[in-house]
Amino acid sequence: MNKFFKYFSLTTFLILSFILLNGCQNGKVFKDFKHNTPLIKEDIQKKGSTEIEKTVKMGPQPIEGDIVKLGKRKQISSENQKTIF
């Protein structure tokens, strides 16, 4: 009987304290978002196109100068050659 009363009082104490503490919790109040100005104030497309132009200018440039063009490649024949062992 003593053991039963001990566990019963402990569980009731925990349940009541849980209920009491949840009742004291402050509720979160959600307010409407009132904002008329845009969050991104710059034009991203214009800024991006200027950045792309910069990277193209910094990219690899063709070399101009004394360039000797090589002659045509030799024509590869498609004849089968017979080898004798």
PDB file of N, CA and C in Angstrom:
ATOM      1  N   MET A   1       0.826  -1.194   0.000  1.00  0.00           N
ATOM      2  CA  MET A   1       0.000   0.000   0.000  1.00  0.00           C
ATOM      3  C   MET A   1       0.869   1.257   0.000  1.00  0.00           C
ATOM      4  N   ASN A   2       1.925   1.223   0.789  1.00  0.00           N
ATOM      5  CA  ASN A   2       2.822   2.362   0.878  1.00  0.00           C
ATOM      6  C   ASN A   2       3.522   2.621  -0.453  1.00  0.00           C
ATOM      7  N   LYS A   3       3.946   1.553  -1.107  1.00  0.00           N
ATOM      8  CA  LYS A   3       4.623   1.670  -2.382  1.00  0.00           C
ATOM      9  C   LYS A   3       3.676   2.228  -3.443  1.00  0.00           C
ATOM     10  N   PHE A   4       2.452   1.742  -3.478  1.00  0.00           N
ATOM     11  CA  PHE A   4       1.443   2.200  -4.429  1.00  0.00           C
ATOM     12  C   PHE A   4       1.164   3.685  -4.233  1.00  0.00           C
ATOM     13  N   PHE A   5       0.993   4.109  -3.000  1.00  0.00           N
ATOM     14  CA  PHE A   5       0.712   5.511  -2.705  1.00  0.00           C
ATOM     15  C   PHE A   5       1.881   6.404  -3.126  1.00  0.00           C
ATOM     16  N   LYS A   6       3.100   5.911  -2.967  1.00  0.00           N
ATOM     17  CA  LYS A   6       4.282   6.678  -3.333  1.00  0.00           C
ATOM     18  C   LYS A   6       4.319   6.922  -4.850  1.00  0.00           C
ATOM     19  N   TYR A   7       4.120   5.862  -5.647  1.00  0.00           N
ATOM     20  CA  TYR A   7       4.141   6.002  -7.109  1.00  0.00           C
ATOM     21  C   TYR A   7       2.953   6.814  -7.616  1.00  0.00           C
ATOM     22  N   PHE A   8       1.810   6.640  -7.003  1.00  0.00           N
ATOM     23  CA  PHE A   8       0.614   7.382  -7.407  1.00  0.00           C
ATOM     24  C   PHE A   8       0.796   8.879  -7.161  1.00  0.00           C
ATOM     25  N   SER A   9       1.330   9.239  -5.994  1.00  0.00           N
ATOM     26  CA  SER A   9       1.533  10.644  -5.686  1.00  0.00           C
ATOM     27  C   SER A   9       2.616  11.260  -6.594  1.00  0.00           C
ATOM     28  N   LEU A  10       3.616  10.473  -6.926  1.00  0.00           N
ATOM     29  CA  LEU A  10       4.665  10.959  -7.809  1.00  0.00           C
ATOM     30  C   LEU A  10       4.126  11.221  -9.222  1.00  0.00           C
ATOM     31  N   THR A  11       3.355  10.307  -9.747  1.00  0.00           N
ATOM     32  CA  THR A  11       2.802  10.495 -11.093  1.00  0.00           C
ATOM     33  C   THR A  11       1.802  11.647 -11.122  1.00  0.00           C
ATOM     34  N   THR A  12       0.973  11.776 -10.101  1.00  0.00           N
ATOM     35  CA  THR A  12       0.022  12.891 -10.086  1.00  0.00           C
ATOM     36  C   THR A  12       0.761  14.223  -9.982  1.00  0.00           C
ATOM     37  N   PHE A  13       1.824  14.253  -9.202  1.00  0.00           N
ATOM     38  CA  PHE A  13       2.607  15.472  -9.082  1.00  0.00           C
ATOM     39  C   PHE A  13       3.222  15.851 -10.431  1.00  0.00           C
ATOM     40  N   LEU A  14       3.775  14.877 -11.148  1.00  0.00           N
ATOM     41  CA  LEU A  14       4.370  15.159 -12.448  1.00  0.00           C
ATOM     42  C   LEU A  14       3.316  15.613 -13.466  1.00  0.00           C
ATOM     43  N   ILE A  15       2.174  14.979 -13.474  1.00  0.00           N
ATOM     44  CA  ILE A  15       1.111  15.357 -14.423  1.00  0.00           C
ATOM     45  C   ILE A  15       0.594  16.751 -14.114  1.00  0.00           C
ATOM     46  N   LEU A  16       0.343  17.057 -12.859  1.00  0.00           N
ATOM     47  CA  LEU A  16      -0.160  18.378 -12.490  1.00  0.00           C
ATOM     48  C   LEU A  16       0.876  19.475 -12.759  1.00  0.00           C
ATOM     49  N   SER A  17       2.137  19.170 -12.491  1.00  0.00           N
ATOM     50  CA  SER A  17       3.168  20.180 -12.763  1.00  0.00           C
ATOM     51  C   SER A  17       3.306  20.406 -14.265  1.00  0.00           C
ATOM     52  N   PHE A  18       3.168  19.360 -15.059  1.00  0.00           N
ATOM     53  CA  PHE A  18       3.231  19.506 -16.511  1.00  0.00           C
ATOM     54  C   PHE A  18       2.073  20.364 -17.004  1.00  0.00           C
ATOM     55  N   ILE A  19       0.890  20.143 -16.513  1.00  0.00           N
ATOM     56  CA  ILE A  19      -0.274  20.931 -16.922  1.00  0.00           C
ATOM     57  C   ILE A  19      -0.121  22.381 -16.480  1.00  0.00           C
ATOM     58  N   LEU A  20       0.339  22.584 -15.267  1.00  0.00           N
ATOM     59  CA  LEU A  20       0.505  23.934 -14.738  1.00  0.00           C
ATOM     60  C   LEU A  20       1.557  24.719 -15.534  1.00  0.00           C
ATOM     61  N   LEU A  21       2.700  24.078 -15.859  1.00  0.00           N
ATOM     62  CA  LEU A  21       3.754  24.763 -16.585  1.00  0.00           C
ATOM     63  C   LEU A  21       3.363  25.049 -18.026  1.00  0.00           C
ATOM     64  N   ASN A  22       2.566  24.190 -18.645  1.00  0.00           N
ATOM     65  CA  ASN A  22       2.105  24.461 -20.000  1.00  0.00           C
ATOM     66  C   ASN A  22       1.098  25.611 -20.018  1.00  0.00           C
ATOM     67  N   GLY A  23       0.364  25.790 -18.953  1.00  0.00           N
ATOM     68  CA  GLY A  23      -0.577  26.900 -18.890  1.00  0.00           C
ATOM     69  C   GLY A  23       0.125  28.236 -18.732  1.00  0.00           C
ATOM     70  N   CYS A  24       1.310  28.242 -18.176  1.00  0.00           N
ATOM     71  CA  CYS A  24       2.068  29.481 -17.981  1.00  0.00           C
ATOM     72  C   CYS A  24       2.869  29.897 -19.201  1.00  0.00           C
ATOM     73  N   GLN A  25       2.945  29.043 -20.196  1.00  0.00           N
ATOM     74  CA  GLN A  25       3.764  29.342 -21.370  1.00  0.00           C
ATOM     75  C   GLN A  25       3.156  30.492 -22.163  1.00  0.00           C
ATOM     76  N   ASN A  26       4.029  31.408 -22.583  1.00  0.00           N
ATOM     77  CA  ASN A  26       3.571  32.527 -23.397  1.00  0.00           C
ATOM     78  C   ASN A  26       3.330  32.050 -24.822  1.00  0.00           C
ATOM     79  N   GLY A  27       2.190  32.423 -25.361  1.00  0.00           N
ATOM     80  CA  GLY A  27       1.882  32.059 -26.738  1.00  0.00           C
ATOM     81  C   GLY A  27       2.581  32.993 -27.705  1.00  0.00           C
ATOM     82  N   LYS A  28       2.983  32.447 -28.842  1.00  0.00           N
ATOM     83  CA  LYS A  28       3.648  33.260 -29.856  1.00  0.00           C
ATOM     84  C   LYS A  28       2.584  34.000 -30.653  1.00  0.00           C
ATOM     85  N   VAL A  29       2.810  35.288 -30.848  1.00  0.00           N
ATOM     86  CA  VAL A  29       1.869  36.099 -31.607  1.00  0.00           C
ATOM     87  C   VAL A  29       2.499  36.367 -32.967  1.00  0.00           C
ATOM     88  N   PHE A  30       1.818  35.932 -34.021  1.00  0.00           N
ATOM     89  CA  PHE A  30       2.324  36.143 -35.374  1.00  0.00           C
ATOM     90  C   PHE A  30       1.663  37.382 -35.948  1.00  0.00           C
ATOM     91  N   LYS A  31       2.501  38.302 -36.409  1.00  0.00           N
ATOM     92  CA  LYS A  31       1.998  39.529 -36.994  1.00  0.00           C
ATOM     93  C   LYS A  31       2.088  39.423 -38.510  1.00  0.00           C
ATOM     94  N   ASP A  32       1.218  40.130 -39.198  1.00  0.00           N
ATOM     95  CA  ASP A  32       1.261  40.156 -40.646  1.00  0.00           C
ATOM     96  C   ASP A  32       2.498  40.915 -41.105  1.00  0.00           C
ATOM     97  N   PHE A  33       3.034  40.498 -42.225  1.00  0.00           N
ATOM     98  CA  PHE A  33       4.227  41.127 -42.775  1.00  0.00           C
ATOM     99  C   PHE A  33       3.785  42.309 -43.612  1.00  0.00           C
ATOM    100  N   LYS A  34       4.047  43.509 -43.120  1.00  0.00           N
ATOM    101  CA  LYS A  34       3.663  44.719 -43.831  1.00  0.00           C
ATOM    102  C   LYS A  34       4.926  45.400 -44.336  1.00  0.00           C
ATOM    103  N   HIS A  35       5.172  45.228 -45.634  1.00  0.00           N
ATOM    104  CA  HIS A  35       6.394  45.746 -46.209  1.00  0.00           C
ATOM    105  C   HIS A  35       6.113  46.104 -47.659  1.00  0.00           C
ATOM    106  N   ASN A  36       6.206  47.362 -47.997  1.00  0.00           N
ATOM    107  CA  ASN A  36       5.879  47.806 -49.345  1.00  0.00           C
ATOM    108  C   ASN A  36       7.089  47.888 -50.264  1.00  0.00           C
ATOM    109  N   THR A  37       8.270  48.086 -49.713  1.00  0.00           N
ATOM    110  CA  THR A  37       9.455  48.195 -50.551  1.00  0.00           C
ATOM    111  C   THR A  37      10.004  46.803 -50.841  1.00  0.00           C
ATOM    112  N   PRO A  38      10.610  46.606 -52.013  1.00  0.00           N
ATOM    113  CA  PRO A  38      11.150  45.277 -52.334  1.00  0.00           C
ATOM    114  C   PRO A  38      12.381  44.974 -51.480  1.00  0.00           C
ATOM    115  N   LEU A  39      12.566  43.711 -51.183  1.00  0.00           N
ATOM    116  CA  LEU A  39      13.697  43.312 -50.361  1.00  0.00           C
ATOM    117  C   LEU A  39      15.004  43.393 -51.139  1.00  0.00           C
ATOM    118  N   ILE A  40      14.962  43.078 -52.432  1.00  0.00           N
ATOM    119  CA  ILE A  40      16.145  43.187 -53.282  1.00  0.00           C
ATOM    120  C   ILE A  40      15.987  44.466 -54.082  1.00  0.00           C
ATOM    121  N   LYS A  41      16.787  45.459 -53.771  1.00  0.00           N
ATOM    122  CA  LYS A  41      16.616  46.784 -54.359  1.00  0.00           C
ATOM    123  C   LYS A  41      17.374  46.945 -55.672  1.00  0.00           C
ATOM    124  N   GLU A  42      18.316  46.058 -55.978  1.00  0.00           N
ATOM    125  CA  GLU A  42      19.105  46.169 -57.193  1.00  0.00           C
ATOM    126  C   GLU A  42      18.518  45.277 -58.277  1.00  0.00           C
ATOM    127  N   ASP A  43      18.774  45.649 -59.529  1.00  0.00           N
ATOM    128  CA  ASP A  43      18.324  44.822 -60.637  1.00  0.00           C
ATOM    129  C   ASP A  43      19.356  43.720 -60.856  1.00  0.00           C
ATOM    130  N   ILE A  44      18.994  42.513 -60.541  1.00  0.00           N
ATOM    131  CA  ILE A  44      19.929  41.400 -60.560  1.00  0.00           C
ATOM    132  C   ILE A  44      20.325  41.040 -61.988  1.00  0.00           C
ATOM    133  N   GLN A  45      19.394  41.144 -62.945  1.00  0.00           N
ATOM    134  CA  GLN A  45      19.710  40.768 -64.315  1.00  0.00           C
ATOM    135  C   GLN A  45      20.774  41.687 -64.913  1.00  0.00           C
ATOM    136  N   LYS A  46      20.674  42.989 -64.664  1.00  0.00           N
ATOM    137  CA  LYS A  46      21.673  43.915 -65.186  1.00  0.00           C
ATOM    138  C   LYS A  46      23.029  43.670 -64.524  1.00  0.00           C
ATOM    139  N   LYS A  47      23.004  43.442 -63.236  1.00  0.00           N
ATOM    140  CA  LYS A  47      24.247  43.208 -62.508  1.00  0.00           C
ATOM    141  C   LYS A  47      24.901  41.906 -62.972  1.00  0.00           C
ATOM    142  N   GLY A  48      24.086  40.896 -63.201  1.00  0.00           N
ATOM    143  CA  GLY A  48      24.612  39.614 -63.672  1.00  0.00           C
ATOM    144  C   GLY A  48      25.193  39.713 -65.067  1.00  0.00           C
ATOM    145  N   SER A  49      24.530  40.470 -65.955  1.00  0.00           N
ATOM    146  CA  SER A  49      25.052  40.601 -67.317  1.00  0.00           C
ATOM    147  C   SER A  49      26.383  41.353 -67.322  1.00  0.00           C
ATOM    148  N   THR A  50      26.537  42.349 -66.471  1.00  0.00           N
ATOM    149  CA  THR A  50      27.826  43.055 -66.404  1.00  0.00           C
ATOM    150  C   THR A  50      28.916  42.127 -65.873  1.00  0.00           C
ATOM    151  N   GLU A  51      28.579  41.271 -64.909  1.00  0.00           N
ATOM    152  CA  GLU A  51      29.566  40.325 -64.379  1.00  0.00           C
ATOM    153  C   GLU A  51      29.974  39.322 -65.450  1.00  0.00           C
ATOM    154  N   ILE A  52      29.020  38.884 -66.261  1.00  0.00           N
ATOM    155  CA  ILE A  52      29.341  37.942 -67.337  1.00  0.00           C
ATOM    156  C   ILE A  52      30.247  38.602 -68.360  1.00  0.00           C
ATOM    157  N   GLU A  53      29.969  39.854 -68.686  1.00  0.00           N
ATOM    158  CA  GLU A  53      30.831  40.568 -69.627  1.00  0.00           C
ATOM    159  C   GLU A  53      32.256  40.699 -69.089  1.00  0.00           C
ATOM    160  N   LYS A  54      32.395  40.936 -67.803  1.00  0.00           N
ATOM    161  CA  LYS A  54      33.725  41.040 -67.197  1.00  0.00           C
ATOM    162  C   LYS A  54      34.469  39.715 -67.306  1.00  0.00           C
ATOM    163  N   THR A  55      33.784  38.610 -67.022  1.00  0.00           N
ATOM    164  CA  THR A  55      34.456  37.309 -67.081  1.00  0.00           C
ATOM    165  C   THR A  55      34.807  36.939 -68.511  1.00  0.00           C
ATOM    166  N   VAL A  56      33.999  37.338 -69.475  1.00  0.00           N
ATOM    167  CA  VAL A  56      34.333  37.067 -70.874  1.00  0.00           C
ATOM    168  C   VAL A  56      35.579  37.842 -71.269  1.00  0.00           C
ATOM    169  N   LYS A  57      35.688  39.084 -70.821  1.00  0.00           N
ATOM    170  CA  LYS A  57      36.878  39.884 -71.141  1.00  0.00           C
ATOM    171  C   LYS A  57      38.128  39.304 -70.505  1.00  0.00           C
ATOM    172  N   MET A  58      38.007  38.717 -69.319  1.00  0.00           N
ATOM    173  CA  MET A  58      39.158  38.148 -68.629  1.00  0.00           C
ATOM    174  C   MET A  58      39.510  36.761 -69.147  1.00  0.00           C
ATOM    175  N   GLY A  59      38.643  36.153 -69.930  1.00  0.00           N
ATOM    176  CA  GLY A  59      38.834  34.798 -70.411  1.00  0.00           C
ATOM    177  C   GLY A  59      40.004  34.658 -71.374  1.00  0.00           C
ATOM    178  N   PRO A  60      40.168  33.474 -71.928  1.00  0.00           N
ATOM    179  CA  PRO A  60      41.296  33.246 -72.841  1.00  0.00           C
ATOM    180  C   PRO A  60      41.159  34.070 -74.113  1.00  0.00           C
ATOM    181  N   GLN A  61      42.262  34.683 -74.518  1.00  0.00           N
ATOM    182  CA  GLN A  61      42.291  35.520 -75.711  1.00  0.00           C
ATOM    183  C   GLN A  61      43.097  34.808 -76.790  1.00  0.00           C
ATOM    184  N   PRO A  62      42.702  34.924 -78.051  1.00  0.00           N
ATOM    185  CA  PRO A  62      43.489  34.298 -79.122  1.00  0.00           C
ATOM    186  C   PRO A  62      44.816  35.034 -79.312  1.00  0.00           C
ATOM    187  N   ILE A  63      45.832  34.287 -79.663  1.00  0.00           N
ATOM    188  CA  ILE A  63      47.163  34.864 -79.856  1.00  0.00           C
ATOM    189  C   ILE A  63      47.272  35.345 -81.297  1.00  0.00           C
ATOM    190  N   GLU A  64      47.660  36.562 -81.481  1.00  0.00           N
ATOM    191  CA  GLU A  64      47.873  37.109 -82.816  1.00  0.00           C
ATOM    192  C   GLU A  64      49.367  37.318 -83.003  1.00  0.00           C
ATOM    193  N   GLY A  65      49.863  36.986 -84.166  1.00  0.00           N
ATOM    194  CA  GLY A  65      51.289  37.173 -84.413  1.00  0.00           C
ATOM    195  C   GLY A  65      51.752  36.266 -85.520  1.00  0.00           C
ATOM    196  N   ASP A  66      52.993  35.846 -85.437  1.00  0.00           N
ATOM    197  CA  ASP A  66      53.571  34.996 -86.471  1.00  0.00           C
ATOM    198  C   ASP A  66      53.105  33.560 -86.262  1.00  0.00           C
ATOM    199  N   ILE A  67      52.127  33.198 -87.032  1.00  0.00           N
ATOM    200  CA  ILE A  67      51.608  31.834 -86.926  1.00  0.00           C
ATOM    201  C   ILE A  67      51.836  31.158 -88.268  1.00  0.00           C
ATOM    202  N   VAL A  68      52.507  30.050 -88.227  1.00  0.00           N
ATOM    203  CA  VAL A  68      52.763  29.291 -89.451  1.00  0.00           C
ATOM    204  C   VAL A  68      51.754  28.155 -89.486  1.00  0.00           C
ATOM    205  N   LYS A  69      50.938  28.167 -90.532  1.00  0.00           N
ATOM    206  CA  LYS A  69      49.953  27.104 -90.654  1.00  0.00           C
ATOM    207  C   LYS A  69      50.627  25.853 -91.166  1.00  0.00           C
ATOM    208  N   LEU A  70      50.223  24.752 -90.630  1.00  0.00           N
ATOM    209  CA  LEU A  70      50.783  23.483 -91.055  1.00  0.00           C
ATOM    210  C   LEU A  70      50.127  23.066 -92.359  1.00  0.00           C
ATOM    211  N   GLY A  71      50.827  22.258 -93.107  1.00  0.00           N
ATOM    212  CA  GLY A  71      50.277  21.753 -94.361  1.00  0.00           C
ATOM    213  C   GLY A  71      49.134  20.776 -94.093  1.00  0.00           C
ATOM    214  N   LYS A  72      48.542  20.301 -95.166  1.00  0.00           N
ATOM    215  CA  LYS A  72      47.444  19.360 -95.016  1.00  0.00           C
ATOM    216  C   LYS A  72      47.964  18.051 -94.437  1.00  0.00           C
ATOM    217  N   ARG A  73      47.094  17.359 -93.818  1.00  0.00           N
ATOM    218  CA  ARG A  73      47.449  16.043 -93.293  1.00  0.00           C
ATOM    219  C   ARG A  73      47.609  15.053 -94.439  1.00  0.00           C
ATOM    220  N   LYS A  74      48.411  14.081 -94.215  1.00  0.00           N
ATOM    221  CA  LYS A  74      48.569  13.049 -95.225  1.00  0.00           C
ATOM    222  C   LYS A  74      47.275  12.261 -95.321  1.00  0.00           C
ATOM    223  N   GLN A  75      46.968  11.857 -96.537  1.00  0.00           N
ATOM    224  CA  GLN A  75      45.729  11.113 -96.732  1.00  0.00           C
ATOM    225  C   GLN A  75      45.966   9.679 -96.301  1.00  0.00           C
ATOM    226  N   ILE A  76      45.081   9.192 -95.506  1.00  0.00           N
ATOM    227  CA  ILE A  76      45.202   7.830 -95.004  1.00  0.00           C
ATOM    228  C   ILE A  76      44.495   6.917 -95.990  1.00  0.00           C
ATOM    229  N   SER A  77      45.236   5.934 -96.475  1.00  0.00           N
ATOM    230  CA  SER A  77      44.627   5.010 -97.436  1.00  0.00           C
ATOM    231  C   SER A  77      43.920   3.903 -96.676  1.00  0.00           C
ATOM    232  N   SER A  78      42.922   3.414 -97.278  1.00  0.00           N
ATOM    233  CA  SER A  78      42.144   2.371 -96.621  1.00  0.00           C
ATOM    234  C   SER A  78      42.459   0.997 -97.182  1.00  0.00           C
ATOM    235  N   GLU A  79      43.583   0.858 -97.873  1.00  0.00           N
ATOM    236  CA  GLU A  79      43.967  -0.442 -98.415  1.00  0.00           C
ATOM    237  C   GLU A  79      44.486  -1.327 -97.303  1.00  0.00           C
ATOM    238  N   ASN A  80      44.109  -2.556 -97.393  1.00  0.00           N
ATOM    239  CA  ASN A  80      44.592  -3.531 -96.421  1.00  0.00           C
ATOM    240  C   ASN A  80      45.945  -4.053 -96.880  1.00  0.00           C
ATOM    241  N   GLN A  81      46.894  -4.056 -96.005  1.00  0.00           N
ATOM    242  CA  GLN A  81      48.212  -4.573 -96.354  1.00  0.00           C
ATOM    243  C   GLN A  81      48.335  -5.986 -95.846  1.00  0.00           C
ATOM    244  N   LYS A  82      48.877  -6.829 -96.667  1.00  0.00           N
ATOM    245  CA  LYS A  82      49.066  -8.224 -96.303  1.00  0.00           C
ATOM    246  C   LYS A  82      50.479  -8.365 -95.736  1.00  0.00           C
ATOM    247  N   THR A  83      50.560  -9.024 -94.620  1.00  0.00           N
ATOM    248  CA  THR A  83      51.853  -9.290 -94.027  1.00  0.00           C
ATOM    249  C   THR A  83      52.125 -10.770 -94.130  1.00  0.00           C
ATOM    250  N   ILE A  84      53.306 -11.116 -94.484  1.00  0.00           N
ATOM    251  CA  ILE A  84      53.677 -12.530 -94.627  1.00  0.00           C
ATOM    252  C   ILE A  84      54.582 -12.887 -93.456  1.00  0.00           C
ATOM    253  N   PHE A  85      54.188 -13.918 -92.778  1.00  0.00           N
ATOM    254  CA  PHE A  85      54.980 -14.363 -91.634  1.00  0.00           C
ATOM    255  C   PHE A  85      55.895 -15.446 -92.019  1.00  0.00           C
TER     256      PHE A  85
END
